[in-house]
PDB file of N, CA and C in Angstrom:
ATOM      1  N   UNK A   1     -11.614 -17.463  -0.193  1.00  0.00           N
ATOM      2  CA  UNK A   1     -10.887 -17.065  -1.443  1.00  0.00           C
ATOM      3  C   UNK A   1     -11.143 -18.048  -2.559  1.00  0.00           C
ATOM      4  N   UNK A   2     -11.414 -17.368  -3.704  1.00  0.00           N
ATOM      5  CA  UNK A   2     -11.844 -17.929  -5.097  1.00  0.00           C
ATOM      6  C   UNK A   2     -10.490 -17.950  -6.113  1.00  0.00           C
ATOM      7  N   UNK A   3      -9.777 -18.735  -6.090  1.00  0.00           N
ATOM      8  CA  UNK A   3      -8.541 -18.764  -7.039  1.00  0.00           C
ATOM      9  C   UNK A   3      -8.812 -20.115  -7.653  1.00  0.00           C
ATOM     10  N   UNK A   4      -8.754 -19.749  -9.042  1.00  0.00           N
ATOM     11  CA  UNK A   4      -9.189 -21.023 -10.005  1.00  0.00           C
ATOM     12  C   UNK A   4      -7.994 -21.754 -10.267  1.00  0.00           C
ATOM     13  N   UNK A   5      -7.004 -21.245 -10.450  1.00  0.00           N
ATOM     14  CA  UNK A   5      -5.571 -22.081 -10.471  1.00  0.00           C
ATOM     15  C   UNK A   5      -4.648 -21.718  -9.630  1.00  0.00           C
ATOM     16  N   UNK A   6      -3.544 -22.651  -9.772  1.00  0.00           N
ATOM     17  CA  UNK A   6      -2.381 -22.501  -9.283  1.00  0.00           C
ATOM     18  C   UNK A   6      -1.066 -21.777 -10.014  1.00  0.00           C
ATOM     19  N   UNK A   7      -1.638 -20.827 -10.938  1.00  0.00           N
ATOM     20  CA  UNK A   7      -0.544 -20.509 -12.088  1.00  0.00           C
ATOM     21  C   UNK A   7       0.112 -19.476 -11.565  1.00  0.00           C
ATOM     22  N   UNK A   8       1.285 -18.953 -11.548  1.00  0.00           N
ATOM     23  CA  UNK A   8       2.166 -17.655 -11.113  1.00  0.00           C
ATOM     24  C   UNK A   8       1.275 -16.406 -11.679  1.00  0.00           C
ATOM     25  N   UNK A   9       0.741 -15.662 -10.787  1.00  0.00           N
ATOM     26  CA  UNK A   9       0.295 -14.503 -11.505  1.00  0.00           C
ATOM     27  C   UNK A   9       0.152 -13.249 -10.215  1.00  0.00           C
ATOM     28  N   UNK A  10       0.126 -12.189 -10.570  1.00  0.00           N
ATOM     29  CA  UNK A  10      -0.223 -11.043  -9.433  1.00  0.00           C
ATOM     30  C   UNK A  10      -1.815 -11.238  -9.083  1.00  0.00           C
ATOM     31  N   UNK A  11      -2.105 -11.230  -7.994  1.00  0.00           N
ATOM     32  CA  UNK A  11      -3.331 -11.273  -7.738  1.00  0.00           C
ATOM     33  C   UNK A  11      -3.848 -10.076  -7.476  1.00  0.00           C
ATOM     34  N   UNK A  12      -5.024  -9.428  -7.856  1.00  0.00           N
ATOM     35  CA  UNK A  12      -5.534  -8.534  -7.355  1.00  0.00           C
ATOM     36  C   UNK A  12      -6.978  -8.936  -6.492  1.00  0.00           C
ATOM     37  N   UNK A  13      -7.130  -8.105  -5.608  1.00  0.00           N
ATOM     38  CA  UNK A  13      -8.284  -8.767  -4.771  1.00  0.00           C
ATOM     39  C   UNK A  13      -9.436  -7.969  -4.961  1.00  0.00           C
ATOM     40  N   UNK A  14     -10.394  -8.372  -5.113  1.00  0.00           N
ATOM     41  CA  UNK A  14     -11.620  -7.674  -5.491  1.00  0.00           C
ATOM     42  C   UNK A  14     -12.772  -7.744  -4.097  1.00  0.00           C
ATOM     43  N   UNK A  15     -12.885  -6.752  -3.725  1.00  0.00           N
ATOM     44  CA  UNK A  15     -13.962  -6.752  -2.770  1.00  0.00           C
ATOM     45  C   UNK A  15     -15.159  -7.704  -2.776  1.00  0.00           C
ATOM     46  N   UNK A  16     -15.609  -8.393  -1.907  1.00  0.00           N
ATOM     47  CA  UNK A  16     -17.007  -9.148  -2.313  1.00  0.00           C
ATOM     48  C   UNK A  16     -18.212  -8.587  -2.978  1.00  0.00           C
ATOM     49  N   UNK A  17     -18.259  -7.311  -2.446  1.00  0.00           N
ATOM     50  CA  UNK A  17     -19.603  -6.380  -2.972  1.00  0.00           C
ATOM     51  C   UNK A  17     -19.560  -6.339  -4.431  1.00  0.00           C
ATOM     52  N   UNK A  18     -18.279  -6.387  -5.157  1.00  0.00           N
ATOM     53  CA  UNK A  18     -18.134  -6.273  -6.520  1.00  0.00           C
ATOM     54  C   UNK A  18     -18.356  -7.116  -7.450  1.00  0.00           C
ATOM     55  N   UNK A  19     -18.677  -8.427  -6.939  1.00  0.00           N
ATOM     56  CA  UNK A  19     -18.960  -9.933  -7.578  1.00  0.00           C
ATOM     57  C   UNK A  19     -17.916 -10.168  -8.339  1.00  0.00           C
ATOM     58  N   UNK A  20     -16.513  -9.808  -8.082  1.00  0.00           N
ATOM     59  CA  UNK A  20     -15.072 -10.650  -9.034  1.00  0.00           C
ATOM     60  C   UNK A  20     -15.071  -9.408 -10.336  1.00  0.00           C
ATOM     61  N   UNK A  21     -15.697  -8.401  -9.982  1.00  0.00           N
ATOM     62  CA  UNK A  21     -15.398  -7.252 -11.414  1.00  0.00           C
ATOM     63  C   UNK A  21     -14.564  -6.210 -10.849  1.00  0.00           C
ATOM     64  N   UNK A  22     -13.551  -6.242 -11.714  1.00  0.00           N
ATOM     65  CA  UNK A  22     -12.879  -4.968 -11.325  1.00  0.00           C
ATOM     66  C   UNK A  22     -13.573  -3.498 -12.043  1.00  0.00           C
ATOM     67  N   UNK A  23     -13.692  -2.587 -11.298  1.00  0.00           N
ATOM     68  CA  UNK A  23     -14.356  -1.610 -11.854  1.00  0.00           C
ATOM     69  C   UNK A  23     -13.344  -0.710 -13.300  1.00  0.00           C
ATOM     70  N   UNK A  24     -14.358  -0.380 -14.017  1.00  0.00           N
ATOM     71  CA  UNK A  24     -13.582   0.021 -15.355  1.00  0.00           C
ATOM     72  C   UNK A  24     -12.894   1.084 -15.285  1.00  0.00           C
ATOM     73  N   UNK A  25     -12.918   2.115 -14.348  1.00  0.00           N
ATOM     74  CA  UNK A  25     -11.795   3.037 -14.130  1.00  0.00           C
ATOM     75  C   UNK A  25     -10.452   2.512 -13.693  1.00  0.00           C
ATOM     76  N   UNK A  26     -10.259   1.268 -13.418  1.00  0.00           N
ATOM     77  CA  UNK A  26      -9.000   0.551 -13.096  1.00  0.00           C
ATOM     78  C   UNK A  26      -8.514  -0.210 -14.281  1.00  0.00           C
ATOM     79  N   UNK A  27      -9.267  -0.265 -15.145  1.00  0.00           N
ATOM     80  CA  UNK A  27      -8.581  -1.303 -16.178  1.00  0.00           C
ATOM     81  C   UNK A  27      -7.232  -0.890 -16.864  1.00  0.00           C
ATOM     82  N   UNK A  28      -6.832   0.584 -16.823  1.00  0.00           N
ATOM     83  CA  UNK A  28      -5.424   0.813 -17.248  1.00  0.00           C
ATOM     84  C   UNK A  28      -4.246   0.297 -16.300  1.00  0.00           C
ATOM     85  N   UNK A  29      -4.706  -0.063 -15.185  1.00  0.00           N
ATOM     86  CA  UNK A  29      -3.764  -0.955 -14.458  1.00  0.00           C
ATOM     87  C   UNK A  29      -3.451  -2.483 -14.972  1.00  0.00           C
ATOM     88  N   UNK A  30      -4.446  -2.999 -15.440  1.00  0.00           N
ATOM     89  CA  UNK A  30      -4.144  -4.290 -16.200  1.00  0.00           C
ATOM     90  C   UNK A  30      -3.454  -4.245 -17.365  1.00  0.00           C
ATOM     91  N   UNK A  31      -3.881  -3.166 -18.185  1.00  0.00           N
ATOM     92  CA  UNK A  31      -2.767  -2.858 -18.973  1.00  0.00           C
ATOM     93  C   UNK A  31      -1.352  -2.635 -18.840  1.00  0.00           C
ATOM     94  N   UNK A  32      -1.075  -1.876 -17.772  1.00  0.00           N
ATOM     95  CA  UNK A  32       0.331  -1.592 -17.075  1.00  0.00           C
ATOM     96  C   UNK A  32       1.005  -2.986 -16.740  1.00  0.00           C
ATOM     97  N   UNK A  33       0.435  -3.828 -16.244  1.00  0.00           N
ATOM     98  CA  UNK A  33       0.586  -5.221 -15.645  1.00  0.00           C
ATOM     99  C   UNK A  33       0.801  -5.910 -17.110  1.00  0.00           C
ATOM    100  N   UNK A  34      -0.039  -5.874 -17.985  1.00  0.00           N
ATOM    101  CA  UNK A  34       0.146  -6.419 -19.183  1.00  0.00           C
ATOM    102  C   UNK A  34       1.179  -6.279 -20.393  1.00  0.00           C
ATOM    103  N   UNK A  35       1.516  -4.801 -20.189  1.00  0.00           N
ATOM    104  CA  UNK A  35       2.735  -4.510 -21.280  1.00  0.00           C
ATOM    105  C   UNK A  35       4.122  -5.110 -20.615  1.00  0.00           C
ATOM    106  N   UNK A  36       4.261  -5.259 -19.431  1.00  0.00           N
ATOM    107  CA  UNK A  36       5.177  -6.081 -18.682  1.00  0.00           C
ATOM    108  C   UNK A  36       5.084  -7.358 -18.914  1.00  0.00           C
ATOM    109  N   UNK A  37       4.065  -7.968 -19.082  1.00  0.00           N
ATOM    110  CA  UNK A  37       4.356  -9.351 -19.627  1.00  0.00           C
ATOM    111  C   UNK A  37       4.160 -10.180 -18.308  1.00  0.00           C
ATOM    112  N   UNK A  38       3.664  -9.780 -17.454  1.00  0.00           N
ATOM    113  CA  UNK A  38       3.190 -10.811 -16.172  1.00  0.00           C
ATOM    114  C   UNK A  38       1.773 -11.278 -16.065  1.00  0.00           C
ATOM    115  N   UNK A  39       1.745 -12.494 -15.698  1.00  0.00           N
ATOM    116  CA  UNK A  39       0.128 -12.655 -15.524  1.00  0.00           C
ATOM    117  C   UNK A  39      -0.375 -12.125 -14.701  1.00  0.00           C
ATOM    118  N   UNK A  40      -1.667 -11.848 -14.773  1.00  0.00           N
ATOM    119  CA  UNK A  40      -2.320 -11.208 -13.604  1.00  0.00           C
ATOM    120  C   UNK A  40      -3.903 -12.270 -13.383  1.00  0.00           C
ATOM    121  N   UNK A  41      -4.493 -12.255 -12.152  1.00  0.00           N
ATOM    122  CA  UNK A  41      -5.567 -12.839 -12.002  1.00  0.00           C
ATOM    123  C   UNK A  41      -6.221 -12.098 -10.850  1.00  0.00           C
ATOM    124  N   UNK A  42      -7.533 -12.114 -11.379  1.00  0.00           N
ATOM    125  CA  UNK A  42      -8.740 -11.494 -10.273  1.00  0.00           C
ATOM    126  C   UNK A  42      -9.278 -12.300  -9.475  1.00  0.00           C
ATOM    127  N   UNK A  43      -9.054 -12.009  -7.923  1.00  0.00           N
ATOM    128  CA  UNK A  43      -9.529 -13.007  -7.010  1.00  0.00           C
ATOM    129  C   UNK A  43     -10.554 -12.323  -6.026  1.00  0.00           C
ATOM    130  N   UNK A  44     -11.453 -12.757  -5.201  1.00  0.00           N
ATOM    131  CA  UNK A  44     -12.362 -12.185  -4.549  1.00  0.00           C
ATOM    132  C   UNK A  44     -11.905 -12.749  -2.990  1.00  0.00           C
ATOM    133  N   UNK A  45     -11.581 -11.475  -2.132  1.00  0.00           N
ATOM    134  CA  UNK A  45     -11.458 -11.411  -0.690  1.00  0.00           C
ATOM    135  C   UNK A  45     -12.098 -10.888  -0.117  1.00  0.00           C
ATOM    136  N   UNK A  46     -12.790 -11.310   1.217  1.00  0.00           N
ATOM    137  CA  UNK A  46     -13.550 -10.540   2.282  1.00  0.00           C
ATOM    138  C   UNK A  46     -12.708 -10.328   3.050  1.00  0.00           C
ATOM    139  N   UNK A  47     -12.191  -9.167   3.068  1.00  0.00           N
ATOM    140  CA  UNK A  47     -11.145  -8.242   4.335  1.00  0.00           C
ATOM    141  C   UNK A  47     -12.043  -6.634   4.082  1.00  0.00           C
ATOM    142  N   UNK A  48     -11.979  -6.165   5.380  1.00  0.00           N
ATOM    143  CA  UNK A  48     -12.666  -5.063   5.420  1.00  0.00           C
ATOM    144  C   UNK A  48     -11.446  -3.759   4.975  1.00  0.00           C
ATOM    145  N   UNK A  49     -10.324  -3.977   4.870  1.00  0.00           N
ATOM    146  CA  UNK A  49      -9.715  -2.849   4.246  1.00  0.00           C
ATOM    147  C   UNK A  49      -8.713  -3.525   2.786  1.00  0.00           C
ATOM    148  N   UNK A  50      -8.459  -2.233   1.968  1.00  0.00           N
ATOM    149  CA  UNK A  50      -7.889  -2.551   0.864  1.00  0.00           C
ATOM    150  C   UNK A  50      -6.461  -3.291   1.184  1.00  0.00           C
ATOM    151  N   UNK A  51      -5.717  -2.598   2.196  1.00  0.00           N
ATOM    152  CA  UNK A  51      -4.440  -3.145   2.675  1.00  0.00           C
ATOM    153  C   UNK A  51      -4.606  -4.412   3.171  1.00  0.00           C
ATOM    154  N   UNK A  52      -5.653  -4.858   3.808  1.00  0.00           N
ATOM    155  CA  UNK A  52      -5.496  -6.359   4.095  1.00  0.00           C
ATOM    156  C   UNK A  52      -5.843  -7.283   3.376  1.00  0.00           C
ATOM    157  N   UNK A  53      -6.728  -6.869   1.975  1.00  0.00           N
ATOM    158  CA  UNK A  53      -6.983  -7.415   1.044  1.00  0.00           C
ATOM    159  C   UNK A  53      -5.602  -7.561  -0.229  1.00  0.00           C
ATOM    160  N   UNK A  54      -4.804  -6.717  -0.092  1.00  0.00           N
ATOM    161  CA  UNK A  54      -3.990  -6.785  -0.957  1.00  0.00           C
ATOM    162  C   UNK A  54      -2.503  -7.547  -0.197  1.00  0.00           C
ATOM    163  N   UNK A  55      -2.586  -7.474   1.057  1.00  0.00           N
ATOM    164  CA  UNK A  55      -1.755  -8.447   1.757  1.00  0.00           C
ATOM    165  C   UNK A  55      -1.765  -9.753   1.781  1.00  0.00           C
ATOM    166  N   UNK A  56      -3.281 -10.278   1.814  1.00  0.00           N
ATOM    167  CA  UNK A  56      -3.597 -11.485   1.610  1.00  0.00           C
ATOM    168  C   UNK A  56      -3.528 -11.976   0.365  1.00  0.00           C
ATOM    169  N   UNK A  57      -3.732 -10.988  -0.874  1.00  0.00           N
ATOM    170  CA  UNK A  57      -3.455 -11.606  -2.110  1.00  0.00           C
ATOM    171  C   UNK A  57      -2.022 -11.570  -2.529  1.00  0.00           C
ATOM    172  N   UNK A  58      -1.168 -10.794  -1.867  1.00  0.00           N
ATOM    173  CA  UNK A  58       0.348 -11.171  -1.975  1.00  0.00           C
ATOM    174  C   UNK A  58       0.689 -12.344  -1.323  1.00  0.00           C
ATOM    175  N   UNK A  59       0.140 -12.931  -0.312  1.00  0.00           N
ATOM    176  CA  UNK A  59       0.357 -14.150   0.448  1.00  0.00           C
ATOM    177  C   UNK A  59      -0.010 -15.202  -0.310  1.00  0.00           C
ATOM    178  N   UNK A  60      -1.252 -15.114  -1.152  1.00  0.00           N
ATOM    179  CA  UNK A  60      -1.613 -16.187  -1.917  1.00  0.00           C
ATOM    180  C   UNK A  60      -0.841 -16.520  -3.378  1.00  0.00           C
ATOM    181  N   UNK A  61      -0.228 -15.378  -3.511  1.00  0.00           N
ATOM    182  CA  UNK A  61       0.144 -15.226  -5.256  1.00  0.00           C
ATOM    183  C   UNK A  61       1.726 -16.038  -5.023  1.00  0.00           C
ATOM    184  N   UNK A  62       1.632 -16.968  -5.936  1.00  0.00           N
ATOM    185  CA  UNK A  62       2.871 -17.586  -6.154  1.00  0.00           C
ATOM    186  C   UNK A  62       4.212 -16.502  -6.628  1.00  0.00           C
ATOM    187  N   UNK A  63       3.639 -15.384  -6.788  1.00  0.00           N
ATOM    188  CA  UNK A  63       4.556 -14.365  -7.573  1.00  0.00           C
ATOM    189  C   UNK A  63       5.017 -13.290  -6.370  1.00  0.00           C
ATOM    190  N   UNK A  64       4.116 -13.357  -5.316  1.00  0.00           N
ATOM    191  CA  UNK A  64       4.564 -12.698  -3.929  1.00  0.00           C
ATOM    192  C   UNK A  64       4.016 -11.289  -4.137  1.00  0.00           C
ATOM    193  N   UNK A  65       3.101 -10.977  -5.037  1.00  0.00           N
ATOM    194  CA  UNK A  65       2.641  -9.724  -5.369  1.00  0.00           C
ATOM    195  C   UNK A  65       0.815  -9.538  -5.286  1.00  0.00           C
ATOM    196  N   UNK A  66       0.537  -8.526  -4.383  1.00  0.00           N
ATOM    197  CA  UNK A  66      -0.917  -8.443  -4.423  1.00  0.00           C
ATOM    198  C   UNK A  66      -1.410  -7.023  -4.361  1.00  0.00           C
ATOM    199  N   UNK A  67      -2.476  -7.050  -5.043  1.00  0.00           N
ATOM    200  CA  UNK A  67      -3.104  -5.580  -5.410  1.00  0.00           C
ATOM    201  C   UNK A  67      -4.591  -5.587  -5.104  1.00  0.00           C
ATOM    202  N   UNK A  68      -4.938  -4.343  -4.208  1.00  0.00           N
ATOM    203  CA  UNK A  68      -6.476  -4.213  -3.749  1.00  0.00           C
ATOM    204  C   UNK A  68      -6.670  -2.747  -4.057  1.00  0.00           C
ATOM    205  N   UNK A  69      -7.866  -2.361  -3.569  1.00  0.00           N
ATOM    206  CA  UNK A  69      -8.203  -1.000  -4.124  1.00  0.00           C
ATOM    207  C   UNK A  69      -9.568  -0.796  -3.114  1.00  0.00           C
ATOM    208  N   UNK A  70      -9.708   0.697  -2.798  1.00  0.00           N
ATOM    209  CA  UNK A  70     -11.037   0.988  -2.069  1.00  0.00           C
ATOM    210  C   UNK A  70     -11.418   2.348  -3.245  1.00  0.00           C
ATOM    211  N   UNK A  71     -12.205   3.130  -2.613  1.00  0.00           N
ATOM    212  CA  UNK A  71     -12.706   4.318  -3.602  1.00  0.00           C
ATOM    213  C   UNK A  71     -11.712   5.286  -3.871  1.00  0.00           C
ATOM    214  N   UNK A  72     -10.445   5.084  -3.276  1.00  0.00           N
ATOM    215  CA  UNK A  72      -9.741   6.618  -3.165  1.00  0.00           C
ATOM    216  C   UNK A  72      -8.184   6.066  -3.804  1.00  0.00           C
ATOM    217  N   UNK A  73      -7.993   4.648  -3.356  1.00  0.00           N
ATOM    218  CA  UNK A  73      -6.682   4.312  -3.775  1.00  0.00           C
ATOM    219  C   UNK A  73      -6.465   2.846  -3.983  1.00  0.00           C
ATOM    220  N   UNK A  74      -5.021   2.800  -4.791  1.00  0.00           N
ATOM    221  CA  UNK A  74      -4.991   1.102  -5.295  1.00  0.00           C
ATOM    222  C   UNK A  74      -3.787   1.153  -4.178  1.00  0.00           C
ATOM    223  N   UNK A  75      -3.551  -0.350  -3.634  1.00  0.00           N
ATOM    224  CA  UNK A  75      -2.472  -0.681  -2.960  1.00  0.00           C
ATOM    225  C   UNK A  75      -1.949  -1.781  -3.678  1.00  0.00           C
ATOM    226  N   UNK A  76      -0.479  -1.527  -3.537  1.00  0.00           N
ATOM    227  CA  UNK A  76       0.281  -2.756  -3.998  1.00  0.00           C
ATOM    228  C   UNK A  76       1.096  -3.327  -2.790  1.00  0.00           C
ATOM    229  N   UNK A  77       1.329  -4.795  -2.283  1.00  0.00           N
ATOM    230  CA  UNK A  77       1.684  -5.452  -1.371  1.00  0.00           C
ATOM    231  C   UNK A  77       2.767  -6.361  -1.724  1.00  0.00           C
ATOM    232  N   UNK A  78       3.570  -6.679  -0.997  1.00  0.00           N
ATOM    233  CA  UNK A  78       4.352  -7.624  -1.175  1.00  0.00           C
ATOM    234  C   UNK A  78       4.589  -8.587   0.245  1.00  0.00           C
ATOM    235  N   UNK A  79       4.716  -9.632  -0.269  1.00  0.00           N
ATOM    236  CA  UNK A  79       4.243 -10.789   0.887  1.00  0.00           C
ATOM    237  C   UNK A  79       5.607 -10.477   2.154  1.00  0.00           C
ATOM    238  N   UNK A  80       6.577 -10.325   1.990  1.00  0.00           N
ATOM    239  CA  UNK A  80       7.801 -10.215   2.950  1.00  0.00           C
ATOM    240  C   UNK A  80       7.471  -8.642   3.322  1.00  0.00           C
ATOM    241  N   UNK A  81       6.502  -8.091   3.442  1.00  0.00           N
ATOM    242  CA  UNK A  81       6.666  -6.844   4.191  1.00  0.00           C
ATOM    243  C   UNK A  81       5.623  -6.877   5.314  1.00  0.00           C
ATOM    244  N   UNK A  82       5.509  -6.113   6.231  1.00  0.00           N
ATOM    245  CA  UNK A  82       4.456  -6.486   7.300  1.00  0.00           C
ATOM    246  C   UNK A  82       3.078  -5.709   6.808  1.00  0.00           C
ATOM    247  N   UNK A  83       2.253  -6.791   7.231  1.00  0.00           N
ATOM    248  CA  UNK A  83       0.893  -6.605   6.774  1.00  0.00           C
ATOM    249  C   UNK A  83       0.353  -5.261   6.766  1.00  0.00           C
ATOM    250  N   UNK A  84       0.586  -4.351   7.600  1.00  0.00           N
ATOM    251  CA  UNK A  84       0.102  -3.126   7.603  1.00  0.00           C
ATOM    252  C   UNK A  84       1.062  -2.069   6.999  1.00  0.00           C
ATOM    253  N   UNK A  85       2.232  -2.602   6.047  1.00  0.00           N
ATOM    254  CA  UNK A  85       2.632  -1.525   5.481  1.00  0.00           C
ATOM    255  C   UNK A  85       3.052  -2.037   3.757  1.00  0.00           C
ATOM    256  N   UNK A  86       2.167  -1.343   3.097  1.00  0.00           N
ATOM    257  CA  UNK A  86       2.254  -1.796   1.791  1.00  0.00           C
ATOM    258  C   UNK A  86       3.516  -1.435   1.086  1.00  0.00           C
ATOM    259  N   UNK A  87       3.724  -1.872  -0.072  1.00  0.00           N
ATOM    260  CA  UNK A  87       4.855  -1.098  -0.916  1.00  0.00           C
ATOM    261  C   UNK A  87       4.300   0.217  -1.465  1.00  0.00           C
ATOM    262  N   UNK A  88       3.154   0.166  -2.196  1.00  0.00           N
ATOM    263  CA  UNK A  88       2.760   1.198  -2.702  1.00  0.00           C
ATOM    264  C   UNK A  88       1.017   1.790  -2.489  1.00  0.00           C
ATOM    265  N   UNK A  89       0.862   2.845  -2.335  1.00  0.00           N
ATOM    266  CA  UNK A  89      -0.833   3.394  -2.056  1.00  0.00           C
ATOM    267  C   UNK A  89      -0.534   4.504  -2.877  1.00  0.00           C
ATOM    268  N   UNK A  90      -1.230   4.511  -3.967  1.00  0.00           N
ATOM    269  CA  UNK A  90      -1.403   5.559  -5.231  1.00  0.00           C
ATOM    270  C   UNK A  90      -2.921   5.993  -5.295  1.00  0.00           C
ATOM    271  N   UNK A  91      -3.158   7.226  -5.243  1.00  0.00           N
ATOM    272  CA  UNK A  91      -4.529   7.646  -5.519  1.00  0.00           C
ATOM    273  C   UNK A  91      -5.104   7.641  -7.159  1.00  0.00           C
ATOM    274  N   UNK A  92      -6.546   6.851  -6.903  1.00  0.00           N
ATOM    275  CA  UNK A  92      -6.835   7.020  -8.011  1.00  0.00           C
ATOM    276  C   UNK A  92      -7.757   8.195  -8.518  1.00  0.00           C
ATOM    277  N   UNK A  93      -6.385   8.867  -9.346  1.00  0.00           N
ATOM    278  CA  UNK A  93      -6.618  10.268  -9.947  1.00  0.00           C
ATOM    279  C   UNK A  93      -6.821  10.365 -11.363  1.00  0.00           C
ATOM    280  N   UNK A  94      -5.886   9.501 -12.007  1.00  0.00           N
ATOM    281  CA  UNK A  94      -5.905   9.352 -13.478  1.00  0.00           C
ATOM    282  C   UNK A  94      -5.403   8.308 -14.107  1.00  0.00           C
ATOM    283  N   UNK A  95      -5.785   7.991 -15.484  1.00  0.00           N
ATOM    284  CA  UNK A  95      -5.210   6.792 -15.756  1.00  0.00           C
ATOM    285  C   UNK A  95      -3.915   6.412 -15.913  1.00  0.00           C
ATOM    286  N   UNK A  96      -2.964   7.532 -16.052  1.00  0.00           N
ATOM    287  CA  UNK A  96      -1.548   7.216 -16.017  1.00  0.00           C
ATOM    288  C   UNK A  96      -1.032   6.938 -15.124  1.00  0.00           C
ATOM    289  N   UNK A  97      -1.535   7.328 -13.878  1.00  0.00           N
ATOM    290  CA  UNK A  97      -1.003   6.768 -12.668  1.00  0.00           C
ATOM    291  C   UNK A  97      -1.567   5.406 -12.449  1.00  0.00           C
ATOM    292  N   UNK A  98      -2.616   5.131 -12.961  1.00  0.00           N
ATOM    293  CA  UNK A  98      -3.307   3.697 -12.422  1.00  0.00           C
ATOM    294  C   UNK A  98      -2.682   2.949 -13.366  1.00  0.00           C
ATOM    295  N   UNK A  99      -2.364   3.202 -14.705  1.00  0.00           N
ATOM    296  CA  UNK A  99      -1.239   2.541 -15.552  1.00  0.00           C
ATOM    297  C   UNK A  99       0.224   2.109 -14.852  1.00  0.00           C
ATOM    298  N   UNK A 100       0.687   3.166 -14.376  1.00  0.00           N
ATOM    299  CA  UNK A 100       1.844   3.271 -13.859  1.00  0.00           C
ATOM    300  C   UNK A 100       2.153   2.113 -12.678  1.00  0.00           C
ATOM    301  N   UNK A 101       1.083   2.121 -11.694  1.00  0.00           N
ATOM    302  CA  UNK A 101       1.048   0.925 -10.668  1.00  0.00           C
ATOM    303  C   UNK A 101       1.042  -0.264 -10.711  1.00  0.00           C
ATOM    304  N   UNK A 102       0.044  -0.510 -12.027  1.00  0.00           N
ATOM    305  CA  UNK A 102       0.474  -1.935 -12.755  1.00  0.00           C
ATOM    306  C   UNK A 102       1.447  -2.261 -13.110  1.00  0.00           C
ATOM    307  N   UNK A 103       2.165  -1.396 -13.533  1.00  0.00           N
ATOM    308  CA  UNK A 103       3.465  -1.463 -14.440  1.00  0.00           C
ATOM    309  C   UNK A 103       4.397  -2.030 -13.280  1.00  0.00           C
ATOM    310  N   UNK A 104       4.339  -0.847 -12.073  1.00  0.00           N
ATOM    311  CA  UNK A 104       5.435  -1.013 -11.251  1.00  0.00           C
ATOM    312  C   UNK A 104       5.121  -2.182 -10.546  1.00  0.00           C
ATOM    313  N   UNK A 105       3.759  -3.044 -10.140  1.00  0.00           N
ATOM    314  CA  UNK A 105       3.677  -4.346  -9.497  1.00  0.00           C
ATOM    315  C   UNK A 105       4.134  -5.258 -10.392  1.00  0.00           C
ATOM    316  N   UNK A 106       4.214  -5.149 -11.640  1.00  0.00           N
ATOM    317  CA  UNK A 106       4.901  -6.226 -12.715  1.00  0.00           C
ATOM    318  C   UNK A 106       6.277  -6.217 -12.245  1.00  0.00           C
ATOM    319  N   UNK A 107       6.899  -4.974 -12.360  1.00  0.00           N
ATOM    320  CA  UNK A 107       8.247  -4.642 -12.341  1.00  0.00           C
ATOM    321  C   UNK A 107       8.729  -5.223 -10.855  1.00  0.00           C
ATOM    322  N   UNK A 108       8.097  -5.041 -10.126  1.00  0.00           N
ATOM    323  CA  UNK A 108       8.266  -5.667  -8.547  1.00  0.00           C
ATOM    324  C   UNK A 108       8.925  -7.369  -8.778  1.00  0.00           C
ATOM    325  N   UNK A 109       7.871  -7.795  -9.455  1.00  0.00           N
ATOM    326  CA  UNK A 109       7.875  -9.555  -9.756  1.00  0.00           C
ATOM    327  C   UNK A 109       9.384  -9.457 -10.752  1.00  0.00           C
ATOM    328  N   UNK A 110       9.553  -8.619 -11.656  1.00  0.00           N
ATOM    329  CA  UNK A 110      10.686  -8.787 -12.491  1.00  0.00           C
ATOM    330  C   UNK A 110      11.952  -8.652 -12.007  1.00  0.00           C
ATOM    331  N   UNK A 111      12.198  -7.686 -10.870  1.00  0.00           N
ATOM    332  CA  UNK A 111      13.086  -7.166 -10.292  1.00  0.00           C
ATOM    333  C   UNK A 111      13.817  -6.162 -11.135  1.00  0.00           C
ATOM    334  N   UNK A 112      13.103  -5.489 -11.768  1.00  0.00           N
ATOM    335  CA  UNK A 112      13.553  -4.111 -12.488  1.00  0.00           C
ATOM    336  C   UNK A 112      13.037  -2.998 -11.723  1.00  0.00           C
ATOM    337  N   UNK A 113      14.124  -1.812 -12.349  1.00  0.00           N
ATOM    338  CA  UNK A 113      13.427  -0.493 -11.510  1.00  0.00           C
ATOM    339  C   UNK A 113      12.192  -0.229 -12.076  1.00  0.00           C
ATOM    340  N   UNK A 114      11.369   0.643 -10.898  1.00  0.00           N
ATOM    341  CA  UNK A 114      10.145   0.945 -10.995  1.00  0.00           C
ATOM    342  C   UNK A 114      10.142   2.389 -12.063  1.00  0.00           C
ATOM    343  N   UNK A 115       9.012   2.548 -12.750  1.00  0.00           N
ATOM    344  CA  UNK A 115       8.385   3.818 -13.051  1.00  0.00           C
ATOM    345  C   UNK A 115       8.511   4.725 -12.219  1.00  0.00           C
ATOM    346  N   UNK A 116       8.863   5.989 -12.622  1.00  0.00           N
ATOM    347  CA  UNK A 116       8.594   7.135 -11.653  1.00  0.00           C
ATOM    348  C   UNK A 116       7.314   7.814 -11.725  1.00  0.00           C
TER     349      UNK A 116
END
């Protein structure tokens, strides 16, 4: 795991084959997190599924929230949930939903209601 520092942040787990780069179609997710004013950090994790990467990111995050993705879904995990039961699994189908999942991950940290 390549974690640069120990600051509190939501960790977004990037698969190793993407060389630490978030796909451009997922950038609205960063905007959603940013609009809720929660720090975010990209990390590289080498697990075979997005659910496993998201869970491991949540365990590593001081804010207990981890996000990962595959070709079809974005996964949001919270470290107090069972490893195989993420909080959210949302289809990567439009920028509005991608932005909302980022905002909802940040809202989990803040303890405020989720956007519908």
